[in-house]
Amino acid sequence: MRNISIEERAVCLAQYIIDSKDTVRGAAKKFGISKSTVHKDVSERLVRINKTLALEVRKVLDENKAERHIRGGMATKRKYCKDKSG
């Protein structure tokens, strides 16, 4: 990711998030950049580059945000179930 422009990076991140339905945190880990950079790229920069793509990413990010509390609850459940069995 080092030798590409910011605009290209924003588009790559957007395509990855749309295709994989991954979170900002997951995309940051995959591309080796910070969550802040991913968020800024797909929520601010991408709007100026490709509005249609930005709207698609926004749908995925909104869906992830709506499901966030469920994933957190499941992680907590796994944590405590693991402690009881071991």
PDB file of N, CA and C in Angstrom:
ATOM      1  N   MET A   1       0.820  -1.205   0.000  1.00  0.00           N
ATOM      2  CA  MET A   1       0.000   0.000   0.000  1.00  0.00           C
ATOM      3  C   MET A   1       0.858   1.261   0.000  1.00  0.00           C
ATOM      4  N   ARG A   2       2.137   1.123   0.099  1.00  0.00           N
ATOM      5  CA  ARG A   2       3.008   2.291   0.233  1.00  0.00           C
ATOM      6  C   ARG A   2       3.132   3.108  -1.047  1.00  0.00           C
ATOM      7  N   ASN A   3       3.109   2.462  -2.192  1.00  0.00           N
ATOM      8  CA  ASN A   3       3.410   3.165  -3.435  1.00  0.00           C
ATOM      9  C   ASN A   3       2.174   3.583  -4.228  1.00  0.00           C
ATOM     10  N   ILE A   4       1.036   3.692  -3.571  1.00  0.00           N
ATOM     11  CA  ILE A   4      -0.160   4.140  -4.281  1.00  0.00           C
ATOM     12  C   ILE A   4      -0.650   5.454  -3.677  1.00  0.00           C
ATOM     13  N   SER A   5      -1.420   6.174  -4.457  1.00  0.00           N
ATOM     14  CA  SER A   5      -1.913   7.473  -3.984  1.00  0.00           C
ATOM     15  C   SER A   5      -3.010   7.289  -2.936  1.00  0.00           C
ATOM     16  N   ILE A   6      -3.294   8.360  -2.238  1.00  0.00           N
ATOM     17  CA  ILE A   6      -4.349   8.341  -1.223  1.00  0.00           C
ATOM     18  C   ILE A   6      -5.689   8.001  -1.863  1.00  0.00           C
ATOM     19  N   GLU A   7      -5.936   8.534  -3.051  1.00  0.00           N
ATOM     20  CA  GLU A   7      -7.194   8.276  -3.746  1.00  0.00           C
ATOM     21  C   GLU A   7      -7.333   6.798  -4.103  1.00  0.00           C
ATOM     22  N   GLU A   8      -6.248   6.221  -4.607  1.00  0.00           N
ATOM     23  CA  GLU A   8      -6.275   4.788  -4.946  1.00  0.00           C
ATOM     24  C   GLU A   8      -6.476   3.935  -3.702  1.00  0.00           C
ATOM     25  N   ARG A   9      -5.823   4.328  -2.613  1.00  0.00           N
ATOM     26  CA  ARG A   9      -5.977   3.597  -1.354  1.00  0.00           C
ATOM     27  C   ARG A   9      -7.418   3.644  -0.874  1.00  0.00           C
ATOM     28  N   ALA A  10      -8.047   4.805  -0.972  1.00  0.00           N
ATOM     29  CA  ALA A  10      -9.436   4.944  -0.539  1.00  0.00           C
ATOM     30  C   ALA A  10     -10.353   4.028  -1.354  1.00  0.00           C
ATOM     31  N   VAL A  11     -10.134   3.967  -2.657  1.00  0.00           N
ATOM     32  CA  VAL A  11     -10.946   3.112  -3.524  1.00  0.00           C
ATOM     33  C   VAL A  11     -10.696   1.638  -3.201  1.00  0.00           C
ATOM     34  N   CYS A  12      -9.437   1.249  -2.989  1.00  0.00           N
ATOM     35  CA  CYS A  12      -9.114  -0.142  -2.639  1.00  0.00           C
ATOM     36  C   CYS A  12      -9.775  -0.543  -1.323  1.00  0.00           C
ATOM     37  N   LEU A  13      -9.687   0.336  -0.341  1.00  0.00           N
ATOM     38  CA  LEU A  13     -10.324   0.061   0.949  1.00  0.00           C
ATOM     39  C   LEU A  13     -11.828  -0.092   0.806  1.00  0.00           C
ATOM     40  N   ALA A  14     -12.429   0.790   0.017  1.00  0.00           N
ATOM     41  CA  ALA A  14     -13.870   0.735  -0.190  1.00  0.00           C
ATOM     42  C   ALA A  14     -14.278  -0.577  -0.846  1.00  0.00           C
ATOM     43  N   GLN A  15     -13.562  -0.970  -1.890  1.00  0.00           N
ATOM     44  CA  GLN A  15     -13.872  -2.226  -2.578  1.00  0.00           C
ATOM     45  C   GLN A  15     -13.734  -3.408  -1.624  1.00  0.00           C
ATOM     46  N   TYR A  16     -12.688  -3.399  -0.817  1.00  0.00           N
ATOM     47  CA  TYR A  16     -12.473  -4.490   0.141  1.00  0.00           C
ATOM     48  C   TYR A  16     -13.626  -4.563   1.146  1.00  0.00           C
ATOM     49  N   ILE A  17     -14.016  -3.426   1.707  1.00  0.00           N
ATOM     50  CA  ILE A  17     -15.078  -3.404   2.709  1.00  0.00           C
ATOM     51  C   ILE A  17     -16.409  -3.859   2.098  1.00  0.00           C
ATOM     52  N   ILE A  18     -16.689  -3.419   0.887  1.00  0.00           N
ATOM     53  CA  ILE A  18     -17.937  -3.810   0.226  1.00  0.00           C
ATOM     54  C   ILE A  18     -17.940  -5.306  -0.081  1.00  0.00           C
ATOM     55  N   ASP A  19     -16.840  -5.805  -0.627  1.00  0.00           N
ATOM     56  CA  ASP A  19     -16.773  -7.215  -1.019  1.00  0.00           C
ATOM     57  C   ASP A  19     -16.788  -8.163   0.176  1.00  0.00           C
ATOM     58  N   SER A  20     -16.064  -7.797   1.231  1.00  0.00           N
ATOM     59  CA  SER A  20     -15.913  -8.699   2.374  1.00  0.00           C
ATOM     60  C   SER A  20     -16.904  -8.418   3.506  1.00  0.00           C
ATOM     61  N   LYS A  21     -17.578  -7.274   3.453  1.00  0.00           N
ATOM     62  CA  LYS A  21     -18.469  -6.822   4.537  1.00  0.00           C
ATOM     63  C   LYS A  21     -17.697  -6.701   5.850  1.00  0.00           C
ATOM     64  N   ASP A  22     -16.405  -6.425   5.747  1.00  0.00           N
ATOM     65  CA  ASP A  22     -15.546  -6.321   6.918  1.00  0.00           C
ATOM     66  C   ASP A  22     -15.742  -4.971   7.605  1.00  0.00           C
ATOM     67  N   THR A  23     -15.274  -4.878   8.831  1.00  0.00           N
ATOM     68  CA  THR A  23     -15.366  -3.644   9.603  1.00  0.00           C
ATOM     69  C   THR A  23     -14.171  -2.749   9.308  1.00  0.00           C
ATOM     70  N   VAL A  24     -14.218  -1.527   9.806  1.00  0.00           N
ATOM     71  CA  VAL A  24     -13.097  -0.600   9.677  1.00  0.00           C
ATOM     72  C   VAL A  24     -11.869  -1.211  10.345  1.00  0.00           C
ATOM     73  N   ARG A  25     -12.065  -1.802  11.496  1.00  0.00           N
ATOM     74  CA  ARG A  25     -10.952  -2.429  12.228  1.00  0.00           C
ATOM     75  C   ARG A  25     -10.347  -3.578  11.425  1.00  0.00           C
ATOM     76  N   GLY A  26     -11.204  -4.399  10.819  1.00  0.00           N
ATOM     77  CA  GLY A  26     -10.720  -5.518  10.009  1.00  0.00           C
ATOM     78  C   GLY A  26      -9.965  -5.054   8.777  1.00  0.00           C
ATOM     79  N   ALA A  27     -10.468  -4.008   8.129  1.00  0.00           N
ATOM     80  CA  ALA A  27      -9.800  -3.465   6.946  1.00  0.00           C
ATOM     81  C   ALA A  27      -8.446  -2.862   7.331  1.00  0.00           C
ATOM     82  N   ALA A  28      -8.400  -2.194   8.469  1.00  0.00           N
ATOM     83  CA  ALA A  28      -7.149  -1.595   8.929  1.00  0.00           C
ATOM     84  C   ALA A  28      -6.101  -2.676   9.163  1.00  0.00           C
ATOM     85  N   LYS A  29      -6.502  -3.758   9.783  1.00  0.00           N
ATOM     86  CA  LYS A  29      -5.586  -4.864  10.049  1.00  0.00           C
ATOM     87  C   LYS A  29      -5.118  -5.501   8.744  1.00  0.00           C
ATOM     88  N   LYS A  30      -6.036  -5.709   7.820  1.00  0.00           N
ATOM     89  CA  LYS A  30      -5.719  -6.333   6.531  1.00  0.00           C
ATOM     90  C   LYS A  30      -4.717  -5.501   5.732  1.00  0.00           C
ATOM     91  N   PHE A  31      -4.898  -4.179   5.716  1.00  0.00           N
ATOM     92  CA  PHE A  31      -4.052  -3.303   4.914  1.00  0.00           C
ATOM     93  C   PHE A  31      -2.859  -2.735   5.676  1.00  0.00           C
ATOM     94  N   GLY A  32      -2.781  -3.006   6.979  1.00  0.00           N
ATOM     95  CA  GLY A  32      -1.645  -2.552   7.771  1.00  0.00           C
ATOM     96  C   GLY A  32      -1.602  -1.052   8.000  1.00  0.00           C
ATOM     97  N   ILE A  33      -2.795  -0.439   8.143  1.00  0.00           N
ATOM     98  CA  ILE A  33      -2.881   0.993   8.427  1.00  0.00           C
ATOM     99  C   ILE A  33      -3.805   1.198   9.623  1.00  0.00           C
ATOM    100  N   SER A  34      -3.884   2.415  10.121  1.00  0.00           N
ATOM    101  CA  SER A  34      -4.686   2.668  11.314  1.00  0.00           C
ATOM    102  C   SER A  34      -6.181   2.732  10.988  1.00  0.00           C
ATOM    103  N   LYS A  35      -6.982   2.489  12.024  1.00  0.00           N
ATOM    104  CA  LYS A  35      -8.442   2.585  11.873  1.00  0.00           C
ATOM    105  C   LYS A  35      -8.832   4.005  11.486  1.00  0.00           C
ATOM    106  N   SER A  36      -8.132   4.988  12.044  1.00  0.00           N
ATOM    107  CA  SER A  36      -8.433   6.385  11.738  1.00  0.00           C
ATOM    108  C   SER A  36      -8.235   6.681  10.260  1.00  0.00           C
ATOM    109  N   THR A  37      -7.178   6.126   9.688  1.00  0.00           N
ATOM    110  CA  THR A  37      -6.898   6.332   8.273  1.00  0.00           C
ATOM    111  C   THR A  37      -7.974   5.687   7.411  1.00  0.00           C
ATOM    112  N   VAL A  38      -8.360   4.454   7.750  1.00  0.00           N
ATOM    113  CA  VAL A  38      -9.413   3.761   6.995  1.00  0.00           C
ATOM    114  C   VAL A  38     -10.696   4.575   7.056  1.00  0.00           C
ATOM    115  N   HIS A  39     -11.059   4.993   8.262  1.00  0.00           N
ATOM    116  CA  HIS A  39     -12.310   5.728   8.430  1.00  0.00           C
ATOM    117  C   HIS A  39     -12.294   7.031   7.640  1.00  0.00           C
ATOM    118  N   LYS A  40     -11.199   7.768   7.718  1.00  0.00           N
ATOM    119  CA  LYS A  40     -11.095   9.035   6.992  1.00  0.00           C
ATOM    120  C   LYS A  40     -11.145   8.801   5.484  1.00  0.00           C
ATOM    121  N   ASP A  41     -10.453   7.762   5.015  1.00  0.00           N
ATOM    122  CA  ASP A  41     -10.453   7.454   3.584  1.00  0.00           C
ATOM    123  C   ASP A  41     -11.853   7.136   3.066  1.00  0.00           C
ATOM    124  N   VAL A  42     -12.575   6.274   3.769  1.00  0.00           N
ATOM    125  CA  VAL A  42     -13.868   5.822   3.234  1.00  0.00           C
ATOM    126  C   VAL A  42     -15.036   6.740   3.577  1.00  0.00           C
ATOM    127  N   SER A  43     -14.872   7.591   4.581  1.00  0.00           N
ATOM    128  CA  SER A  43     -16.004   8.452   4.931  1.00  0.00           C
ATOM    129  C   SER A  43     -15.849   9.896   4.463  1.00  0.00           C
ATOM    130  N   GLU A  44     -14.629  10.373   4.305  1.00  0.00           N
ATOM    131  CA  GLU A  44     -14.421  11.762   3.873  1.00  0.00           C
ATOM    132  C   GLU A  44     -13.827  11.863   2.466  1.00  0.00           C
ATOM    133  N   ARG A  45     -12.703  11.199   2.265  1.00  0.00           N
ATOM    134  CA  ARG A  45     -12.009  11.328   0.976  1.00  0.00           C
ATOM    135  C   ARG A  45     -12.777  10.687  -0.165  1.00  0.00           C
ATOM    136  N   LEU A  46     -13.379   9.541   0.081  1.00  0.00           N
ATOM    137  CA  LEU A  46     -14.054   8.793  -0.979  1.00  0.00           C
ATOM    138  C   LEU A  46     -15.255   9.550  -1.537  1.00  0.00           C
ATOM    139  N   VAL A  47     -15.905  10.359  -0.722  1.00  0.00           N
ATOM    140  CA  VAL A  47     -17.055  11.145  -1.183  1.00  0.00           C
ATOM    141  C   VAL A  47     -16.650  12.076  -2.309  1.00  0.00           C
ATOM    142  N   ARG A  48     -15.443  12.626  -2.214  1.00  0.00           N
ATOM    143  CA  ARG A  48     -14.955  13.533  -3.259  1.00  0.00           C
ATOM    144  C   ARG A  48     -14.464  12.781  -4.501  1.00  0.00           C
ATOM    145  N   ILE A  49     -14.085  11.528  -4.332  1.00  0.00           N
ATOM    146  CA  ILE A  49     -13.529  10.734  -5.429  1.00  0.00           C
ATOM    147  C   ILE A  49     -14.622  10.008  -6.203  1.00  0.00           C
ATOM    148  N   ASN A  50     -15.468   9.278  -5.470  1.00  0.00           N
ATOM    149  CA  ASN A  50     -16.492   8.448  -6.098  1.00  0.00           C
ATOM    150  C   ASN A  50     -17.699   8.368  -5.164  1.00  0.00           C
ATOM    151  N   LYS A  51     -18.685   9.202  -5.421  1.00  0.00           N
ATOM    152  CA  LYS A  51     -19.845   9.309  -4.528  1.00  0.00           C
ATOM    153  C   LYS A  51     -20.642   8.004  -4.446  1.00  0.00           C
ATOM    154  N   THR A  52     -20.794   7.312  -5.560  1.00  0.00           N
ATOM    155  CA  THR A  52     -21.558   6.056  -5.587  1.00  0.00           C
ATOM    156  C   THR A  52     -20.891   5.002  -4.712  1.00  0.00           C
ATOM    157  N   LEU A  53     -19.591   4.873  -4.844  1.00  0.00           N
ATOM    158  CA  LEU A  53     -18.837   3.920  -4.040  1.00  0.00           C
ATOM    159  C   LEU A  53     -18.912   4.291  -2.559  1.00  0.00           C
ATOM    160  N   ALA A  54     -18.861   5.573  -2.274  1.00  0.00           N
ATOM    161  CA  ALA A  54     -18.953   6.048  -0.889  1.00  0.00           C
ATOM    162  C   ALA A  54     -20.295   5.673  -0.270  1.00  0.00           C
ATOM    163  N   LEU A  55     -21.368   5.766  -1.045  1.00  0.00           N
ATOM    164  CA  LEU A  55     -22.692   5.392  -0.537  1.00  0.00           C
ATOM    165  C   LEU A  55     -22.783   3.891  -0.256  1.00  0.00           C
ATOM    166  N   GLU A  56     -22.167   3.089  -1.112  1.00  0.00           N
ATOM    167  CA  GLU A  56     -22.162   1.636  -0.893  1.00  0.00           C
ATOM    168  C   GLU A  56     -21.403   1.276   0.375  1.00  0.00           C
ATOM    169  N   VAL A  57     -20.242   1.904   0.574  1.00  0.00           N
ATOM    170  CA  VAL A  57     -19.455   1.650   1.778  1.00  0.00           C
ATOM    171  C   VAL A  57     -20.229   2.097   3.006  1.00  0.00           C
ATOM    172  N   ARG A  58     -20.894   3.233   2.921  1.00  0.00           N
ATOM    173  CA  ARG A  58     -21.668   3.748   4.050  1.00  0.00           C
ATOM    174  C   ARG A  58     -22.731   2.749   4.482  1.00  0.00           C
ATOM    175  N   LYS A  59     -23.370   2.077   3.510  1.00  0.00           N
ATOM    176  CA  LYS A  59     -24.384   1.058   3.842  1.00  0.00           C
ATOM    177  C   LYS A  59     -23.763  -0.074   4.656  1.00  0.00           C
ATOM    178  N   VAL A  60     -22.598  -0.552   4.224  1.00  0.00           N
ATOM    179  CA  VAL A  60     -21.919  -1.645   4.930  1.00  0.00           C
ATOM    180  C   VAL A  60     -21.501  -1.193   6.325  1.00  0.00           C
ATOM    181  N   LEU A  61     -20.941   0.003   6.433  1.00  0.00           N
ATOM    182  CA  LEU A  61     -20.493   0.505   7.737  1.00  0.00           C
ATOM    183  C   LEU A  61     -21.680   0.720   8.682  1.00  0.00           C
ATOM    184  N   ASP A  62     -22.794   1.201   8.157  1.00  0.00           N
ATOM    185  CA  ASP A  62     -23.992   1.375   8.990  1.00  0.00           C
ATOM    186  C   ASP A  62     -24.522   0.034   9.477  1.00  0.00           C
ATOM    187  N   GLU A  63     -24.482  -0.968   8.590  1.00  0.00           N
ATOM    188  CA  GLU A  63     -24.922  -2.313   8.968  1.00  0.00           C
ATOM    189  C   GLU A  63     -24.011  -2.877  10.063  1.00  0.00           C
ATOM    190  N   ASN A  64     -22.698  -2.703   9.897  1.00  0.00           N
ATOM    191  CA  ASN A  64     -21.752  -3.167  10.913  1.00  0.00           C
ATOM    192  C   ASN A  64     -21.986  -2.466  12.245  1.00  0.00           C
ATOM    193  N   LYS A  65     -22.285  -1.182  12.184  1.00  0.00           N
ATOM    194  CA  LYS A  65     -22.529  -0.426  13.418  1.00  0.00           C
ATOM    195  C   LYS A  65     -23.785  -0.926  14.125  1.00  0.00           C
ATOM    196  N   ALA A  66     -24.800  -1.253  13.342  1.00  0.00           N
ATOM    197  CA  ALA A  66     -26.051  -1.745  13.925  1.00  0.00           C
ATOM    198  C   ALA A  66     -25.860  -3.116  14.575  1.00  0.00           C
ATOM    199  N   GLU A  67     -24.932  -3.907  14.058  1.00  0.00           N
ATOM    200  CA  GLU A  67     -24.705  -5.260  14.577  1.00  0.00           C
ATOM    201  C   GLU A  67     -23.610  -5.312  15.634  1.00  0.00           C
ATOM    202  N   ARG A  68     -22.964  -4.210  15.887  1.00  0.00           N
ATOM    203  CA  ARG A  68     -21.802  -4.162  16.774  1.00  0.00           C
ATOM    204  C   ARG A  68     -22.111  -4.706  18.166  1.00  0.00           C
ATOM    205  N   HIS A  69     -23.232  -4.348  18.736  1.00  0.00           N
ATOM    206  CA  HIS A  69     -23.556  -4.798  20.088  1.00  0.00           C
ATOM    207  C   HIS A  69     -23.784  -6.306  20.145  1.00  0.00           C
ATOM    208  N   ILE A  70     -24.269  -6.869  19.060  1.00  0.00           N
ATOM    209  CA  ILE A  70     -24.487  -8.313  19.011  1.00  0.00           C
ATOM    210  C   ILE A  70     -23.149  -9.049  18.979  1.00  0.00           C
ATOM    211  N   ARG A  71     -22.216  -8.563  18.147  1.00  0.00           N
ATOM    212  CA  ARG A  71     -20.885  -9.183  18.080  1.00  0.00           C
ATOM    213  C   ARG A  71     -20.170  -9.085  19.422  1.00  0.00           C
ATOM    214  N   GLY A  72     -20.319  -7.956  20.104  1.00  0.00           N
ATOM    215  CA  GLY A  72     -19.696  -7.792  21.418  1.00  0.00           C
ATOM    216  C   GLY A  72     -20.259  -8.763  22.435  1.00  0.00           C
ATOM    217  N   GLY A  73     -21.561  -8.954  22.392  1.00  0.00           N
ATOM    218  CA  GLY A  73     -22.208  -9.903  23.299  1.00  0.00           C
ATOM    219  C   GLY A  73     -21.756 -11.329  23.036  1.00  0.00           C
ATOM    220  N   MET A  74     -21.621 -11.679  21.764  1.00  0.00           N
ATOM    221  CA  MET A  74     -21.178 -13.028  21.406  1.00  0.00           C
ATOM    222  C   MET A  74     -19.728 -13.256  21.849  1.00  0.00           C
ATOM    223  N   ALA A  75     -18.885 -12.240  21.727  1.00  0.00           N
ATOM    224  CA  ALA A  75     -17.493 -12.360  22.163  1.00  0.00           C
ATOM    225  C   ALA A  75     -17.428 -12.570  23.674  1.00  0.00           C
ATOM    226  N   THR A  76     -18.255 -11.856  24.411  1.00  0.00           N
ATOM    227  CA  THR A  76     -18.287 -12.009  25.860  1.00  0.00           C
ATOM    228  C   THR A  76     -18.774 -13.402  26.232  1.00  0.00           C
ATOM    229  N   LYS A  77     -19.782 -13.884  25.533  1.00  0.00           N
ATOM    230  CA  LYS A  77     -20.312 -15.226  25.791  1.00  0.00           C
ATOM    231  C   LYS A  77     -19.237 -16.284  25.553  1.00  0.00           C
ATOM    232  N   ARG A  78     -18.506 -16.159  24.435  1.00  0.00           N
ATOM    233  CA  ARG A  78     -17.431 -17.112  24.136  1.00  0.00           C
ATOM    234  C   ARG A  78     -16.359 -17.077  25.229  1.00  0.00           C
ATOM    235  N   LYS A  79     -16.035 -15.878  25.686  1.00  0.00           N
ATOM    236  CA  LYS A  79     -15.005 -15.717  26.705  1.00  0.00           C
ATOM    237  C   LYS A  79     -15.393 -16.465  27.986  1.00  0.00           C
ATOM    238  N   TYR A  80     -16.620 -16.283  28.436  1.00  0.00           N
ATOM    239  CA  TYR A  80     -17.028 -16.886  29.690  1.00  0.00           C
ATOM    240  C   TYR A  80     -17.353 -18.353  29.555  1.00  0.00           C
ATOM    241  N   CYS A  81     -17.797 -18.788  28.413  1.00  0.00           N
ATOM    242  CA  CYS A  81     -18.020 -20.223  28.207  1.00  0.00           C
ATOM    243  C   CYS A  81     -16.685 -20.958  28.199  1.00  0.00           C
ATOM    244  N   LYS A  82     -15.654 -20.339  27.643  1.00  0.00           N
ATOM    245  CA  LYS A  82     -14.318 -20.916  27.595  1.00  0.00           C
ATOM    246  C   LYS A  82     -13.763 -21.048  29.020  1.00  0.00           C
ATOM    247  N   ASP A  83     -14.003 -20.038  29.868  1.00  0.00           N
ATOM    248  CA  ASP A  83     -13.499 -20.067  31.240  1.00  0.00           C
ATOM    249  C   ASP A  83     -14.149 -21.180  32.049  1.00  0.00           C
ATOM    250  N   LYS A  84     -15.425 -21.441  31.865  1.00  0.00           N
ATOM    251  CA  LYS A  84     -16.121 -22.471  32.637  1.00  0.00           C
ATOM    252  C   LYS A  84     -15.684 -23.877  32.258  1.00  0.00           C
ATOM    253  N   SER A  85     -15.388 -24.079  30.971  1.00  0.00           N
ATOM    254  CA  SER A  85     -15.042 -25.423  30.516  1.00  0.00           C
ATOM    255  C   SER A  85     -13.591 -25.804  30.857  1.00  0.00           C
ATOM    256  N   GLY A  86     -12.727 -24.795  31.050  1.00  0.00           N
ATOM    257  CA  GLY A  86     -11.307 -25.076  31.239  1.00  0.00           C
ATOM    258  C   GLY A  86     -10.916 -25.089  32.622  1.00  0.00           C
TER     259      GLY A  86
END
